[in-house]
PDB file of N, CA and C in Angstrom:
ATOM      1  N   MET A   1     152.845-162.923 -55.870  1.00  0.00           N
ATOM      2  CA  MET A   1     152.396-162.111 -56.990  1.00  0.00           C
ATOM      3  C   MET A   1     153.613-161.447 -57.625  1.00  0.00           C
ATOM      4  N   PRO A   2     153.824-161.647 -58.924  1.00  0.00           N
ATOM      5  CA  PRO A   2     154.967-161.024 -59.601  1.00  0.00           C
ATOM      6  C   PRO A   2     154.804-159.512 -59.694  1.00  0.00           C
ATOM      7  N   ARG A   3     155.907-158.840 -59.583  1.00  0.00           N
ATOM      8  CA  ARG A   3     155.904-157.380 -59.665  1.00  0.00           C
ATOM      9  C   ARG A   3     156.856-156.926 -60.760  1.00  0.00           C
ATOM     10  N   SER A   4     156.479-155.854 -61.423  1.00  0.00           N
ATOM     11  CA  SER A   4     157.309-155.312 -62.487  1.00  0.00           C
ATOM     12  C   SER A   4     158.469-154.517 -61.891  1.00  0.00           C
ATOM     13  N   HIS A   5     159.617-154.642 -62.501  1.00  0.00           N
ATOM     14  CA  HIS A   5     160.777-153.844 -62.070  1.00  0.00           C
ATOM     15  C   HIS A   5     160.613-152.384 -62.470  1.00  0.00           C
ATOM     16  N   GLU A   6     159.639-152.099 -63.349  1.00  0.00           N
ATOM     17  CA  GLU A   6     159.379-150.732 -63.787  1.00  0.00           C
ATOM     18  C   GLU A   6     158.380-150.021 -62.882  1.00  0.00           C
ATOM     19  N   ARG A   7     157.857-150.720 -61.889  1.00  0.00           N
ATOM     20  CA  ARG A   7     156.852-150.140 -60.990  1.00  0.00           C
ATOM     21  C   ARG A   7     157.471-149.015 -60.163  1.00  0.00           C
ATOM     22  N   LEU A   8     156.732-147.916 -60.060  1.00  0.00           N
ATOM     23  CA  LEU A   8     157.207-146.800 -59.250  1.00  0.00           C
ATOM     24  C   LEU A   8     157.140-147.174 -57.774  1.00  0.00           C
ATOM     25  N   THR A   9     158.173-146.839 -57.046  1.00  0.00           N
ATOM     26  CA  THR A   9     158.198-147.118 -55.604  1.00  0.00           C
ATOM     27  C   THR A   9     158.321-145.850 -54.779  1.00  0.00           C
ATOM     28  N   THR A  10     158.467-144.734 -55.455  1.00  0.00           N
ATOM     29  CA  THR A  10     158.567-143.445 -54.771  1.00  0.00           C
ATOM     30  C   THR A  10     157.820-142.406 -55.603  1.00  0.00           C
ATOM     31  N   PRO A  11     157.261-141.381 -54.962  1.00  0.00           N
ATOM     32  CA  PRO A  11     156.565-140.351 -55.738  1.00  0.00           C
ATOM     33  C   PRO A  11     157.532-139.580 -56.638  1.00  0.00           C
ATOM     34  N   LEU A  12     156.991-139.084 -57.740  1.00  0.00           N
ATOM     35  CA  LEU A  12     157.753-138.228 -58.648  1.00  0.00           C
ATOM     36  C   LEU A  12     157.057-136.885 -58.739  1.00  0.00           C
ATOM     37  N   VAL A  13     157.833-135.809 -58.739  1.00  0.00           N
ATOM     38  CA  VAL A  13     157.286-134.463 -58.925  1.00  0.00           C
ATOM     39  C   VAL A  13     158.005-133.824 -60.091  1.00  0.00           C
ATOM     40  N   ARG A  14     157.327-132.855 -60.693  1.00  0.00           N
ATOM     41  CA  ARG A  14     157.886-132.178 -61.863  1.00  0.00           C
ATOM     42  C   ARG A  14     158.261-130.754 -61.459  1.00  0.00           C
ATOM     43  N   ASP A  15     159.515-130.394 -61.700  1.00  0.00           N
ATOM     44  CA  ASP A  15     159.978-129.034 -61.461  1.00  0.00           C
ATOM     45  C   ASP A  15     159.983-128.272 -62.774  1.00  0.00           C
ATOM     46  N   GLY A  16     159.648-126.997 -62.739  1.00  0.00           N
ATOM     47  CA  GLY A  16     159.727-126.158 -63.930  1.00  0.00           C
ATOM     48  C   GLY A  16     158.532-126.271 -64.847  1.00  0.00           C
ATOM     49  N   GLY A  17     157.349-126.490 -64.298  1.00  0.00           N
ATOM     50  CA  GLY A  17     156.154-126.532 -65.134  1.00  0.00           C
ATOM     51  C   GLY A  17     155.984-127.865 -65.840  1.00  0.00           C
ATOM     52  N   ARG A  18     155.083-127.859 -66.842  1.00  0.00           N
ATOM     53  CA  ARG A  18     154.736-129.109 -67.533  1.00  0.00           C
ATOM     54  C   ARG A  18     155.886-129.702 -68.320  1.00  0.00           C
ATOM     55  N   SER A  19     156.827-128.877 -68.731  1.00  0.00           N
ATOM     56  CA  SER A  19     157.927-129.390 -69.547  1.00  0.00           C
ATOM     57  C   SER A  19     159.131-129.794 -68.700  1.00  0.00           C
ATOM     58  N   GLY A  20     159.069-129.580 -67.407  1.00  0.00           N
ATOM     59  CA  GLY A  20     160.194-129.913 -66.537  1.00  0.00           C
ATOM     60  C   GLY A  20     160.360-131.408 -66.361  1.00  0.00           C
ATOM     61  N   ALA A  21     161.515-131.791 -65.904  1.00  0.00           N
ATOM     62  CA  ALA A  21     161.825-133.204 -65.706  1.00  0.00           C
ATOM     63  C   ALA A  21     161.237-133.706 -64.390  1.00  0.00           C
ATOM     64  N   LEU A  22     160.854-134.955 -64.372  1.00  0.00           N
ATOM     65  CA  LEU A  22     160.381-135.578 -63.146  1.00  0.00           C
ATOM     66  C   LEU A  22     161.567-135.942 -62.267  1.00  0.00           C
ATOM     67  N   ARG A  23     161.376-135.819 -60.964  1.00  0.00           N
ATOM     68  CA  ARG A  23     162.419-136.207 -60.021  1.00  0.00           C
ATOM     69  C   ARG A  23     161.771-136.889 -58.821  1.00  0.00           C
ATOM     70  N   PRO A  24     162.500-137.761 -58.167  1.00  0.00           N
ATOM     71  CA  PRO A  24     161.961-138.402 -56.970  1.00  0.00           C
ATOM     72  C   PRO A  24     161.723-137.369 -55.867  1.00  0.00           C
ATOM     73  N   ALA A  25     160.697-137.616 -55.064  1.00  0.00           N
ATOM     74  CA  ALA A  25     160.357-136.706 -53.973  1.00  0.00           C
ATOM     75  C   ALA A  25     159.891-137.522 -52.771  1.00  0.00           C
ATOM     76  N   THR A  26     159.803-136.874 -51.641  1.00  0.00           N
ATOM     77  CA  THR A  26     159.240-137.532 -50.465  1.00  0.00           C
ATOM     78  C   THR A  26     157.719-137.550 -50.600  1.00  0.00           C
ATOM     79  N   TRP A  27     157.075-138.428 -49.848  1.00  0.00           N
ATOM     80  CA  TRP A  27     155.614-138.466 -49.855  1.00  0.00           C
ATOM     81  C   TRP A  27     155.045-137.150 -49.358  1.00  0.00           C
ATOM     82  N   ASP A  28     155.679-136.549 -48.353  1.00  0.00           N
ATOM     83  CA  ASP A  28     155.185-135.272 -47.829  1.00  0.00           C
ATOM     84  C   ASP A  28     155.215-134.190 -48.906  1.00  0.00           C
ATOM     85  N   GLU A  29     156.311-134.105 -49.651  1.00  0.00           N
ATOM     86  CA  GLU A  29     156.400-133.097 -50.707  1.00  0.00           C
ATOM     87  C   GLU A  29     155.356-133.344 -51.792  1.00  0.00           C
ATOM     88  N   ALA A  30     155.209-134.601 -52.207  1.00  0.00           N
ATOM     89  CA  ALA A  30     154.252-134.921 -53.266  1.00  0.00           C
ATOM     90  C   ALA A  30     152.821-134.611 -52.829  1.00  0.00           C
ATOM     91  N   LEU A  31     152.456-134.986 -51.611  1.00  0.00           N
ATOM     92  CA  LEU A  31     151.104-134.706 -51.118  1.00  0.00           C
ATOM     93  C   LEU A  31     150.876-133.213 -50.913  1.00  0.00           C
ATOM     94  N   ASP A  32     151.900-132.498 -50.442  1.00  0.00           N
ATOM     95  CA  ASP A  32     151.780-131.039 -50.303  1.00  0.00           C
ATOM     96  C   ASP A  32     151.555-130.375 -51.658  1.00  0.00           C
ATOM     97  N   ARG A  33     152.248-130.841 -52.691  1.00  0.00           N
ATOM     98  CA  ARG A  33     152.057-130.285 -54.030  1.00  0.00           C
ATOM     99  C   ARG A  33     150.666-130.582 -54.566  1.00  0.00           C
ATOM    100  N   ALA A  34     150.186-131.797 -54.335  1.00  0.00           N
ATOM    101  CA  ALA A  34     148.838-132.151 -54.792  1.00  0.00           C
ATOM    102  C   ALA A  34     147.796-131.288 -54.090  1.00  0.00           C
ATOM    103  N   ALA A  35     147.933-131.125 -52.777  1.00  0.00           N
ATOM    104  CA  ALA A  35     146.991-130.300 -52.017  1.00  0.00           C
ATOM    105  C   ALA A  35     147.046-128.850 -52.477  1.00  0.00           C
ATOM    106  N   ALA A  36     148.243-128.340 -52.749  1.00  0.00           N
ATOM    107  CA  ALA A  36     148.381-126.957 -53.215  1.00  0.00           C
ATOM    108  C   ALA A  36     147.717-126.779 -54.575  1.00  0.00           C
ATOM    109  N   GLY A  37     147.837-127.773 -55.458  1.00  0.00           N
ATOM    110  CA  GLY A  37     147.204-127.690 -56.767  1.00  0.00           C
ATOM    111  C   GLY A  37     145.691-127.671 -56.666  1.00  0.00           C
ATOM    112  N   ILE A  38     145.137-128.513 -55.789  1.00  0.00           N
ATOM    113  CA  ILE A  38     143.689-128.515 -55.569  1.00  0.00           C
ATOM    114  C   ILE A  38     143.249-127.173 -54.994  1.00  0.00           C
ATOM    115  N   ARG A  39     143.981-126.686 -54.015  1.00  0.00           N
ATOM    116  CA  ARG A  39     143.655-125.398 -53.379  1.00  0.00           C
ATOM    117  C   ARG A  39     143.675-124.263 -54.401  1.00  0.00           C
ATOM    118  N   ARG A  40     144.696-124.228 -55.252  1.00  0.00           N
ATOM    119  CA  ARG A  40     144.801-123.192 -56.289  1.00  0.00           C
ATOM    120  C   ARG A  40     143.613-123.243 -57.240  1.00  0.00           C
ATOM    121  N   SER A  41     143.258-124.436 -57.675  1.00  0.00           N
ATOM    122  CA  SER A  41     142.140-124.594 -58.592  1.00  0.00           C
ATOM    123  C   SER A  41     140.837-124.118 -57.968  1.00  0.00           C
ATOM    124  N   VAL A  42     140.604-124.494 -56.729  1.00  0.00           N
ATOM    125  CA  VAL A  42     139.371-124.102 -56.044  1.00  0.00           C
ATOM    126  C   VAL A  42     139.341-122.589 -55.816  1.00  0.00           C
ATOM    127  N   GLU A  43     140.479-121.993 -55.481  1.00  0.00           N
ATOM    128  CA  GLU A  43     140.526-120.541 -55.276  1.00  0.00           C
ATOM    129  C   GLU A  43     140.268-119.786 -56.578  1.00  0.00           C
ATOM    130  N   ARG A  44     140.800-120.272 -57.693  1.00  0.00           N
ATOM    131  CA  ARG A  44     140.646-119.592 -58.983  1.00  0.00           C
ATOM    132  C   ARG A  44     139.294-119.861 -59.632  1.00  0.00           C
ATOM    133  N   GLN A  45     138.853-121.110 -59.618  1.00  0.00           N
ATOM    134  CA  GLN A  45     137.688-121.529 -60.389  1.00  0.00           C
ATOM    135  C   GLN A  45     136.453-121.834 -59.539  1.00  0.00           C
ATOM    136  N   GLY A  46     136.615-121.905 -58.223  1.00  0.00           N
ATOM    137  CA  GLY A  46     135.502-122.258 -57.351  1.00  0.00           C
ATOM    138  C   GLY A  46     135.460-123.750 -57.070  1.00  0.00           C
ATOM    139  N   PRO A  47     134.686-124.148 -56.054  1.00  0.00           N
ATOM    140  CA  PRO A  47     134.664-125.547 -55.647  1.00  0.00           C
ATOM    141  C   PRO A  47     134.143-126.499 -56.711  1.00  0.00           C
ATOM    142  N   SER A  48     133.331-126.020 -57.646  1.00  0.00           N
ATOM    143  CA  SER A  48     132.808-126.918 -58.677  1.00  0.00           C
ATOM    144  C   SER A  48     133.890-127.351 -59.669  1.00  0.00           C
ATOM    145  N   SER A  49     135.079-126.770 -59.590  1.00  0.00           N
ATOM    146  CA  SER A  49     136.181-127.181 -60.458  1.00  0.00           C
ATOM    147  C   SER A  49     136.830-128.470 -59.970  1.00  0.00           C
ATOM    148  N   PHE A  50     136.428-128.927 -58.793  1.00  0.00           N
ATOM    149  CA  PHE A  50     136.994-130.129 -58.191  1.00  0.00           C
ATOM    150  C   PHE A  50     135.980-131.254 -58.245  1.00  0.00           C
ATOM    151  N   GLY A  51     136.430-132.450 -58.524  1.00  0.00           N
ATOM    152  CA  GLY A  51     135.542-133.606 -58.533  1.00  0.00           C
ATOM    153  C   GLY A  51     136.301-134.867 -58.189  1.00  0.00           C
ATOM    154  N   ILE A  52     135.565-135.852 -57.741  1.00  0.00           N
ATOM    155  CA  ILE A  52     136.143-137.155 -57.394  1.00  0.00           C
ATOM    156  C   ILE A  52     135.323-138.224 -58.086  1.00  0.00           C
ATOM    157  N   PHE A  53     136.012-139.200 -58.648  1.00  0.00           N
ATOM    158  CA  PHE A  53     135.352-140.396 -59.164  1.00  0.00           C
ATOM    159  C   PHE A  53     135.832-141.537 -58.289  1.00  0.00           C
ATOM    160  N   SER A  54     134.918-142.156 -57.585  1.00  0.00           N
ATOM    161  CA  SER A  54     135.240-143.199 -56.633  1.00  0.00           C
ATOM    162  C   SER A  54     134.976-144.572 -57.237  1.00  0.00           C
ATOM    163  N   CYS A  55     135.644-145.565 -56.738  1.00  0.00           N
ATOM    164  CA  CYS A  55     135.546-146.915 -57.287  1.00  0.00           C
ATOM    165  C   CYS A  55     134.526-147.751 -56.524  1.00  0.00           C
ATOM    166  N   SER A  56     133.718-148.499 -57.255  1.00  0.00           N
ATOM    167  CA  SER A  56     132.714-149.354 -56.617  1.00  0.00           C
ATOM    168  C   SER A  56     133.352-150.523 -55.874  1.00  0.00           C
ATOM    169  N   LYS A  57     134.596-150.840 -56.182  1.00  0.00           N
ATOM    170  CA  LYS A  57     135.275-151.938 -55.490  1.00  0.00           C
ATOM    171  C   LYS A  57     135.882-151.490 -54.172  1.00  0.00           C
ATOM    172  N   SER A  58     135.866-150.192 -53.898  1.00  0.00           N
ATOM    173  CA  SER A  58     136.334-149.691 -52.611  1.00  0.00           C
ATOM    174  C   SER A  58     135.302-150.014 -51.543  1.00  0.00           C
ATOM    175  N   THR A  59     135.738-149.969 -50.311  1.00  0.00           N
ATOM    176  CA  THR A  59     134.811-150.216 -49.217  1.00  0.00           C
ATOM    177  C   THR A  59     133.857-149.038 -49.071  1.00  0.00           C
ATOM    178  N   ASN A  60     132.756-149.263 -48.399  1.00  0.00           N
ATOM    179  CA  ASN A  60     131.816-148.175 -48.110  1.00  0.00           C
ATOM    180  C   ASN A  60     132.511-147.064 -47.340  1.00  0.00           C
ATOM    181  N   GLU A  61     133.414-147.430 -46.443  1.00  0.00           N
ATOM    182  CA  GLU A  61     134.118-146.433 -45.636  1.00  0.00           C
ATOM    183  C   GLU A  61     135.001-145.538 -46.502  1.00  0.00           C
ATOM    184  N   VAL A  62     135.679-146.114 -47.480  1.00  0.00           N
ATOM    185  CA  VAL A  62     136.533-145.323 -48.378  1.00  0.00           C
ATOM    186  C   VAL A  62     135.673-144.409 -49.246  1.00  0.00           C
ATOM    187  N   ASN A  63     134.578-144.931 -49.782  1.00  0.00           N
ATOM    188  CA  ASN A  63     133.675-144.096 -50.581  1.00  0.00           C
ATOM    189  C   ASN A  63     133.069-142.977 -49.743  1.00  0.00           C
ATOM    190  N   TYR A  64     132.742-143.256 -48.488  1.00  0.00           N
ATOM    191  CA  TYR A  64     132.202-142.237 -47.593  1.00  0.00           C
ATOM    192  C   TYR A  64     133.248-141.141 -47.345  1.00  0.00           C
ATOM    193  N   ALA A  65     134.495-141.554 -47.110  1.00  0.00           N
ATOM    194  CA  ALA A  65     135.563-140.571 -46.886  1.00  0.00           C
ATOM    195  C   ALA A  65     135.779-139.709 -48.126  1.00  0.00           C
ATOM    196  N   ALA A  66     135.681-140.303 -49.321  1.00  0.00           N
ATOM    197  CA  ALA A  66     135.843-139.541 -50.566  1.00  0.00           C
ATOM    198  C   ALA A  66     134.757-138.489 -50.703  1.00  0.00           C
ATOM    199  N   GLN A  67     133.500-138.875 -50.422  1.00  0.00           N
ATOM    200  CA  GLN A  67     132.421-137.893 -50.557  1.00  0.00           C
ATOM    201  C   GLN A  67     132.517-136.824 -49.478  1.00  0.00           C
ATOM    202  N   LYS A  68     132.994-137.177 -48.280  1.00  0.00           N
ATOM    203  CA  LYS A  68     133.188-136.172 -47.223  1.00  0.00           C
ATOM    204  C   LYS A  68     134.277-135.176 -47.623  1.00  0.00           C
ATOM    205  N   LEU A  69     135.347-135.671 -48.228  1.00  0.00           N
ATOM    206  CA  LEU A  69     136.415-134.780 -48.696  1.00  0.00           C
ATOM    207  C   LEU A  69     135.863-133.809 -49.716  1.00  0.00           C
ATOM    208  N   ALA A  70     135.144-134.323 -50.703  1.00  0.00           N
ATOM    209  CA  ALA A  70     134.613-133.463 -51.762  1.00  0.00           C
ATOM    210  C   ALA A  70     133.627-132.446 -51.201  1.00  0.00           C
ATOM    211  N   ARG A  71     132.690-132.895 -50.382  1.00  0.00           N
ATOM    212  CA  ARG A  71     131.613-132.015 -49.932  1.00  0.00           C
ATOM    213  C   ARG A  71     131.987-131.123 -48.759  1.00  0.00           C
ATOM    214  N   ALA A  72     132.550-131.708 -47.706  1.00  0.00           N
ATOM    215  CA  ALA A  72     132.810-130.941 -46.487  1.00  0.00           C
ATOM    216  C   ALA A  72     134.106-130.142 -46.545  1.00  0.00           C
ATOM    217  N   VAL A  73     135.135-130.696 -47.157  1.00  0.00           N
ATOM    218  CA  VAL A  73     136.432-130.015 -47.175  1.00  0.00           C
ATOM    219  C   VAL A  73     136.526-129.046 -48.347  1.00  0.00           C
ATOM    220  N   VAL A  74     136.216-129.530 -49.544  1.00  0.00           N
ATOM    221  CA  VAL A  74     136.374-128.707 -50.748  1.00  0.00           C
ATOM    222  C   VAL A  74     135.124-127.880 -51.026  1.00  0.00           C
ATOM    223  N   GLY A  75     133.956-128.410 -50.699  1.00  0.00           N
ATOM    224  CA  GLY A  75     132.706-127.696 -50.969  1.00  0.00           C
ATOM    225  C   GLY A  75     132.104-128.020 -52.321  1.00  0.00           C
ATOM    226  N   SER A  76     132.447-129.182 -52.854  1.00  0.00           N
ATOM    227  CA  SER A  76     131.962-129.586 -54.177  1.00  0.00           C
ATOM    228  C   SER A  76     131.008-130.767 -54.051  1.00  0.00           C
ATOM    229  N   ASN A  77     129.970-130.763 -54.850  1.00  0.00           N
ATOM    230  CA  ASN A  77     129.079-131.917 -54.927  1.00  0.00           C
ATOM    231  C   ASN A  77     129.448-132.826 -56.093  1.00  0.00           C
ATOM    232  N   ASN A  78     130.568-132.564 -56.742  1.00  0.00           N
ATOM    233  CA  ASN A  78     130.990-133.335 -57.910  1.00  0.00           C
ATOM    234  C   ASN A  78     131.684-134.628 -57.478  1.00  0.00           C
ATOM    235  N   ILE A  79     130.884-135.618 -57.128  1.00  0.00           N
ATOM    236  CA  ILE A  79     131.399-136.928 -56.785  1.00  0.00           C
ATOM    237  C   ILE A  79     130.527-137.970 -57.444  1.00  0.00           C
ATOM    238  N   ASP A  80     131.170-138.960 -58.028  1.00  0.00           N
ATOM    239  CA  ASP A  80     130.430-140.022 -58.709  1.00  0.00           C
ATOM    240  C   ASP A  80     131.224-141.297 -58.555  1.00  0.00           C
ATOM    241  N   SER A  81     130.594-142.395 -58.905  1.00  0.00           N
ATOM    242  CA  SER A  81     131.273-143.689 -58.886  1.00  0.00           C
ATOM    243  C   SER A  81     130.648-144.577 -59.944  1.00  0.00           C
ATOM    244  N   CYS A  82     131.254-145.729 -60.123  1.00  0.00           N
ATOM    245  CA  CYS A  82     130.737-146.669 -61.112  1.00  0.00           C
ATOM    246  C   CYS A  82     129.811-147.693 -60.442  1.00  0.00           C
ATOM    247  N   ASN A  83     129.231-147.354 -59.304  1.00  0.00           N
ATOM    248  CA  ASN A  83     128.360-148.278 -58.582  1.00  0.00           C
ATOM    249  C   ASN A  83     127.134-148.678 -59.377  1.00  0.00           C
ATOM    250  N   ARG A  84     126.718-147.865 -60.322  1.00  0.00           N
ATOM    251  CA  ARG A  84     125.480-148.131 -61.052  1.00  0.00           C
ATOM    252  C   ARG A  84     125.645-149.219 -62.103  1.00  0.00           C
ATOM    253  N   THR A  85     126.871-149.558 -62.447  1.00  0.00           N
ATOM    254  CA  THR A  85     127.075-150.528 -63.526  1.00  0.00           C
ATOM    255  C   THR A  85     127.055-151.945 -63.023  1.00  0.00           C
TER     256      THR A  85
END
């Protein structure tokens, strides 16, 4: 399978807000930042500010894990997928 040379191979994080430049980061740093952003949003706006859209092409196990994350960890019932189409 051909791959693009422009494909990202490492996570990028932005320093200095939305206007800051992107820089390469470790997976741990990128995931910690994502988790902190979700946590901040839930603390400020409540659990209903979080939602997940899951893919119908994912396995049942992946979709189950997504709904468990939304409901049990975050406390949100905002989960949907394109399974109905």
